[in-house]
Amino acid sequence: MPSRRRRPARRLVARLNSPGPFGRTWRALYEVVYACLKCCAAFLCIPWFRIRRVGHRANLPPRGGVVLCPNHTSYLDPAFVQLLVRRRVTFLMTSDFYRSRWGNWFFRLVGAVPVGSPRESRIGLRRAIALVRRGHAVVIFPEGRLSRDGSLGAMHRGVGAIARRTGAPVFPVGIVGAFRAWPHGTRRPHRAAIRLAFGHPLYWSGPRPRTAMREEERAFVARLRGRVERLVRALEAYERRRAGSPTPPRLQGFHPAGR
């Protein structure tokens, strides 16, 4: 049952998303505000956290539904991903981010989709599928929560269901350094070098009936996890070589298209 303090935020978001003139005005203003927020975040975060992309660009199609799946070790992971992706993205956010008053208002106003409880997860999954079908870029953290120790955890099969029901490309993303920047349980961020790598997309290759296909979805997620893990390991090796080399090395052992 949602608390009373959260109901005004939900009512406001519903009105802002209405098809009337109020909603249209808000959406136009929102695009301007979002661009300004991204510029401010880039100005503050890129030099402070030394955010760099390693390897090829995130070759997202300019339009059409796509899904990005990074590992999740820091409160700042959403900002790091958005800063290196040209398209505006929508995040599926764990409900932990909505517990504070400012977080509840902010993440609802920017259009993030909360997930957490079984009911929230089902609703969030349906909303993510609808967004991808409408041509949005959606970021999902398949582990479902922040890593407590910085390691890559098990991934939920929800992203497999999205891939099966939409046919959209699913891009693995590796992030290193974020756990040192702002891990779970700390009150403030710390300076750190952040590196991201984008892999080539995965596509659902099995049948797409309406009935549930749990094993096939789990197999898809296992392939995705293997891709993300290889990206993370390649980035960690890259950083170790970089620390002992006067010139930036290449990202060795990086085969994003491999199975």
Protein backbone atom coordinates (compact mmCIF):
# COMPACT_ATOMS: atom_id res chain seq x y z
CA MET A 1 0.00 0.00 0.00
CA PRO A 2 1.69 3.29 -1.02
CA SER A 3 2.27 5.83 1.70
CA ARG A 4 0.31 9.08 1.59
CA ARG A 5 3.36 11.15 0.84
CA ARG A 6 3.86 9.21 -2.39
CA ARG A 7 0.32 9.69 -3.70
CA PRO A 8 0.75 13.37 -4.71
CA ALA A 9 3.78 12.41 -6.82
CA ARG A 10 1.77 9.71 -8.60
CA ARG A 11 -1.17 12.04 -9.23
CA LEU A 12 1.13 14.74 -10.60
CA VAL A 13 2.94 12.31 -12.90
CA ALA A 14 -0.40 10.98 -14.18
CA ARG A 15 -1.53 14.51 -15.00
CA LEU A 16 1.78 15.39 -16.67
CA ASN A 17 1.46 12.32 -18.88
CA SER A 18 -2.11 13.12 -19.89
CA PRO A 19 -2.85 13.71 -23.62
CA GLY A 20 -4.24 17.23 -23.02
CA PRO A 21 -2.50 20.60 -23.47
CA PHE A 22 -1.07 20.51 -19.95
CA GLY A 23 0.65 17.21 -20.67
CA ARG A 24 1.92 18.35 -24.08
CA THR A 25 3.38 21.53 -22.58
CA TRP A 26 5.07 19.57 -19.83
CA ARG A 27 6.58 17.05 -22.23
CA ALA A 28 8.06 19.83 -24.38
CA LEU A 29 9.46 21.53 -21.30
CA TYR A 30 10.69 18.20 -19.98
CA GLU A 31 12.87 17.61 -23.04
CA VAL A 32 14.57 20.98 -22.48
CA VAL A 33 15.04 20.37 -18.75
CA TYR A 34 16.35 16.85 -19.39
CA ALA A 35 18.94 18.17 -21.86
CA CYS A 36 20.03 20.82 -19.33
CA LEU A 37 20.32 18.22 -16.57
CA LYS A 38 22.43 16.00 -18.81
CA CYS A 39 24.77 18.90 -19.64
CA CYS A 40 25.13 19.79 -15.95
CA ALA A 41 25.77 16.16 -15.04
CA ALA A 42 28.39 15.89 -17.78
CA PHE A 43 30.10 19.08 -16.58
CA LEU A 44 30.27 17.77 -13.00
CA CYS A 45 30.67 14.02 -13.37
CA ILE A 46 32.95 13.48 -16.36
CA PRO A 47 35.98 15.35 -14.93
CA TRP A 48 35.36 14.32 -11.30
CA PHE A 49 34.89 10.62 -12.03
CA ARG A 50 37.05 10.58 -15.16
CA ILE A 51 34.34 8.74 -17.08
CA ARG A 52 35.65 7.11 -20.25
CA ARG A 53 34.28 4.71 -22.80
CA VAL A 54 36.69 1.90 -23.71
CA GLY A 55 36.29 0.08 -27.00
CA HIS A 56 33.71 0.89 -29.64
CA ARG A 57 30.80 3.27 -29.20
CA ALA A 58 27.39 2.19 -28.05
CA ASN A 59 26.08 1.65 -31.58
CA LEU A 60 22.42 2.01 -30.72
CA PRO A 61 20.05 2.46 -33.63
CA PRO A 62 18.89 6.10 -33.80
CA ARG A 63 15.28 5.02 -33.33
CA GLY A 64 13.36 1.95 -32.33
CA GLY A 65 13.21 0.01 -29.10
CA VAL A 66 16.46 -1.15 -27.50
CA VAL A 67 17.46 -2.53 -24.10
CA LEU A 68 20.76 -1.86 -22.31
CA CYS A 69 21.85 -4.16 -19.47
CA PRO A 70 24.78 -3.00 -17.28
CA ASN A 71 26.18 -4.54 -14.12
CA HIS A 72 25.05 -2.63 -11.04
CA THR A 73 27.54 -1.66 -8.31
CA SER A 74 26.85 2.02 -7.61
CA TYR A 75 24.09 4.54 -7.01
CA LEU A 76 25.58 6.51 -9.91
CA ASP A 77 25.36 3.77 -12.55
CA PRO A 78 22.30 5.35 -14.24
CA ALA A 79 24.13 8.67 -14.68
CA PHE A 80 27.27 6.97 -16.02
CA VAL A 81 25.26 5.08 -18.65
CA GLN A 82 23.19 8.07 -19.76
CA LEU A 83 26.26 10.30 -20.11
CA LEU A 84 27.82 7.92 -22.65
CA VAL A 85 24.63 7.16 -24.61
CA ARG A 86 23.34 9.73 -27.07
CA ARG A 87 19.73 8.64 -26.93
CA ARG A 88 17.56 9.53 -23.97
CA VAL A 89 16.91 6.41 -21.94
CA THR A 90 14.32 5.25 -19.42
CA PHE A 91 15.51 3.33 -16.36
CA LEU A 92 13.95 0.50 -14.43
CA MET A 93 14.97 1.50 -10.90
CA THR A 94 14.86 -0.57 -7.74
CA SER A 95 12.29 0.79 -5.31
CA ASP A 96 15.13 1.53 -2.85
CA PHE A 97 15.70 4.73 -4.82
CA TYR A 98 12.11 5.82 -4.10
CA ARG A 99 12.25 5.57 -0.31
CA SER A 100 13.39 9.14 0.26
CA ARG A 101 11.03 12.03 -0.45
CA TRP A 102 13.32 13.72 -2.97
CA GLY A 103 14.07 10.43 -4.72
CA ASN A 104 10.39 9.54 -5.00
CA TRP A 105 9.55 12.86 -6.66
CA PHE A 106 12.65 13.08 -8.85
CA PHE A 107 12.62 9.57 -10.31
CA ARG A 108 8.90 9.66 -11.01
CA LEU A 109 9.16 13.03 -12.75
CA VAL A 110 12.01 11.82 -15.00
CA GLY A 111 9.94 8.80 -15.99
CA ALA A 112 11.90 6.01 -14.27
CA VAL A 113 10.00 2.76 -13.68
CA PRO A 114 10.11 1.41 -10.09
CA VAL A 115 10.63 -2.30 -9.45
CA GLY A 116 11.08 -4.13 -6.18
CA SER A 117 8.15 -6.05 -4.73
CA PRO A 118 6.64 -8.88 -6.82
CA ARG A 119 3.71 -6.63 -7.74
CA GLU A 120 5.98 -3.71 -8.68
CA SER A 121 8.17 -6.06 -10.70
CA ARG A 122 5.22 -7.38 -12.73
CA ILE A 123 3.94 -3.87 -13.41
CA GLY A 124 7.44 -2.65 -14.21
CA LEU A 125 8.01 -5.52 -16.63
CA ARG A 126 4.79 -4.72 -18.49
CA ARG A 127 5.69 -1.03 -18.65
CA ALA A 128 9.18 -1.84 -19.94
CA ILE A 129 7.74 -4.04 -22.69
CA ALA A 130 5.30 -1.28 -23.67
CA LEU A 131 8.09 1.32 -23.74
CA VAL A 132 10.35 -0.83 -25.91
CA ARG A 133 7.49 -1.56 -28.30
CA ARG A 134 6.89 2.19 -28.60
CA GLY A 135 10.50 2.71 -29.63
CA HIS A 136 12.13 3.79 -26.36
CA ALA A 137 15.62 2.94 -25.15
CA VAL A 138 15.29 1.21 -21.77
CA VAL A 139 18.05 0.48 -19.26
CA ILE A 140 17.55 -2.54 -17.03
CA PHE A 141 19.91 -3.72 -14.30
CA PRO A 142 19.30 -7.48 -14.58
CA GLU A 143 20.78 -8.23 -11.14
CA GLY A 144 17.77 -6.46 -9.65
CA ARG A 145 19.68 -4.61 -6.93
CA LEU A 146 23.00 -3.01 -6.10
CA SER A 147 25.90 -5.38 -5.59
CA ARG A 148 27.01 -5.42 -1.95
CA ASP A 149 30.63 -6.36 -2.72
CA GLY A 150 31.16 -5.12 -6.29
CA SER A 151 30.92 -8.57 -7.88
CA LEU A 152 28.50 -9.53 -10.65
CA GLY A 153 25.49 -11.29 -9.19
CA ALA A 154 22.83 -13.57 -10.61
CA MET A 155 20.52 -12.04 -13.19
CA HIS A 156 16.74 -12.27 -13.26
CA ARG A 157 15.00 -13.64 -16.32
CA GLY A 158 12.79 -10.55 -16.81
CA VAL A 159 15.09 -9.18 -19.50
CA GLY A 160 14.70 -12.50 -21.33
CA ALA A 161 10.93 -12.02 -21.30
CA ILE A 162 11.36 -8.50 -22.69
CA ALA A 163 13.66 -9.75 -25.47
CA ARG A 164 11.22 -12.56 -26.34
CA ARG A 165 8.11 -10.38 -26.38
CA THR A 166 9.60 -7.39 -28.22
CA GLY A 167 12.37 -8.81 -30.43
CA ALA A 168 14.46 -5.74 -29.53
CA PRO A 169 18.28 -5.84 -29.41
CA VAL A 170 19.74 -6.24 -25.91
CA PHE A 171 23.11 -4.54 -25.39
CA PRO A 172 25.41 -5.80 -22.61
CA VAL A 173 27.28 -3.03 -20.77
CA GLY A 174 30.25 -3.39 -18.44
CA ILE A 175 31.12 -0.80 -15.79
CA VAL A 176 34.21 -0.77 -13.55
CA GLY A 177 35.25 1.79 -10.95
CA ALA A 178 31.68 2.64 -9.95
CA PHE A 179 31.88 0.53 -6.78
CA ARG A 180 34.69 2.78 -5.53
CA ALA A 181 32.73 5.90 -6.50
CA TRP A 182 29.52 5.35 -4.50
CA PRO A 183 28.83 1.81 -3.29
CA HIS A 184 25.83 0.58 -1.37
CA GLY A 185 25.65 1.78 2.22
CA THR A 186 27.79 4.92 1.88
CA ARG A 187 26.41 8.43 2.30
CA ARG A 188 28.43 10.34 -0.27
CA PRO A 189 30.37 9.71 -3.50
CA HIS A 190 34.14 9.42 -3.77
CA ARG A 191 36.40 10.30 -6.64
CA ALA A 192 37.20 7.35 -8.89
CA ALA A 193 38.02 6.50 -12.50
CA ILE A 194 34.95 5.08 -14.26
CA ARG A 195 35.25 2.94 -17.39
CA LEU A 196 32.40 1.61 -19.52
CA ALA A 197 32.39 -0.85 -22.40
CA PHE A 198 29.47 -1.65 -24.69
CA GLY A 199 29.08 -5.06 -26.27
CA HIS A 200 27.36 -6.06 -29.47
CA PRO A 201 23.63 -6.77 -29.09
CA LEU A 202 21.96 -10.05 -28.32
CA TYR A 203 18.73 -10.99 -30.08
CA TRP A 204 16.08 -13.48 -29.07
CA SER A 205 16.57 -16.40 -31.43
CA GLY A 206 14.01 -18.86 -30.12
CA PRO A 207 10.29 -19.11 -30.79
CA ARG A 208 8.00 -16.40 -29.48
CA PRO A 209 4.73 -18.05 -28.46
CA ARG A 210 2.44 -16.43 -25.93
CA THR A 211 2.99 -19.18 -23.39
CA ALA A 212 5.76 -18.80 -20.81
CA MET A 213 9.19 -20.10 -21.82
CA ARG A 214 11.13 -19.93 -18.59
CA GLU A 215 14.01 -22.19 -19.56
CA GLU A 216 14.63 -20.38 -22.85
CA GLU A 217 14.49 -17.03 -21.06
CA ARG A 218 16.97 -18.25 -18.44
CA ALA A 219 19.28 -19.46 -21.21
CA PHE A 220 19.10 -16.04 -22.87
CA VAL A 221 19.91 -14.31 -19.57
CA ALA A 222 22.83 -16.72 -19.01
CA ARG A 223 24.28 -15.66 -22.37
CA LEU A 224 23.75 -12.02 -21.45
CA ARG A 225 25.45 -12.47 -18.08
CA GLY A 226 28.43 -14.12 -19.79
CA ARG A 227 28.77 -11.12 -22.12
CA VAL A 228 28.59 -8.61 -19.25
CA GLU A 229 31.08 -10.62 -17.21
CA ARG A 230 33.57 -10.71 -20.09
CA LEU A 231 33.23 -6.95 -20.53
CA VAL A 232 33.88 -6.35 -16.83
CA ARG A 233 36.90 -8.66 -16.77
CA ALA A 234 38.33 -7.06 -19.91
CA LEU A 235 37.93 -3.60 -18.38
CA GLU A 236 39.61 -4.70 -15.15
CA ALA A 237 42.55 -6.14 -17.12
CA TYR A 238 42.69 -2.95 -19.18
CA GLU A 239 42.93 -0.84 -16.02
CA ARG A 240 45.70 -3.06 -14.61
CA ARG A 241 47.74 -2.72 -17.80
CA ARG A 242 47.01 1.00 -17.95
CA ALA A 243 48.33 1.51 -14.41
CA GLY A 244 51.73 0.14 -15.43
CA SER A 245 51.95 1.61 -18.92
CA PRO A 246 52.85 5.19 -19.94
CA THR A 247 50.56 4.94 -22.99
CA PRO A 248 46.92 3.80 -22.92
CA PRO A 249 46.72 0.12 -23.96
CA ARG A 250 44.09 -1.40 -26.17
CA LEU A 251 41.24 -3.33 -24.64
CA GLN A 252 42.68 -6.81 -25.14
CA GLY A 253 40.57 -9.92 -24.97
CA PHE A 254 37.50 -7.92 -25.86
CA HIS A 255 35.28 -9.88 -28.22
CA PRO A 256 31.82 -8.33 -27.83
CA ALA A 257 30.29 -10.37 -30.61
CA GLY A 258 31.43 -13.71 -29.24
CA ARG A 259 29.02 -16.08 -27.55
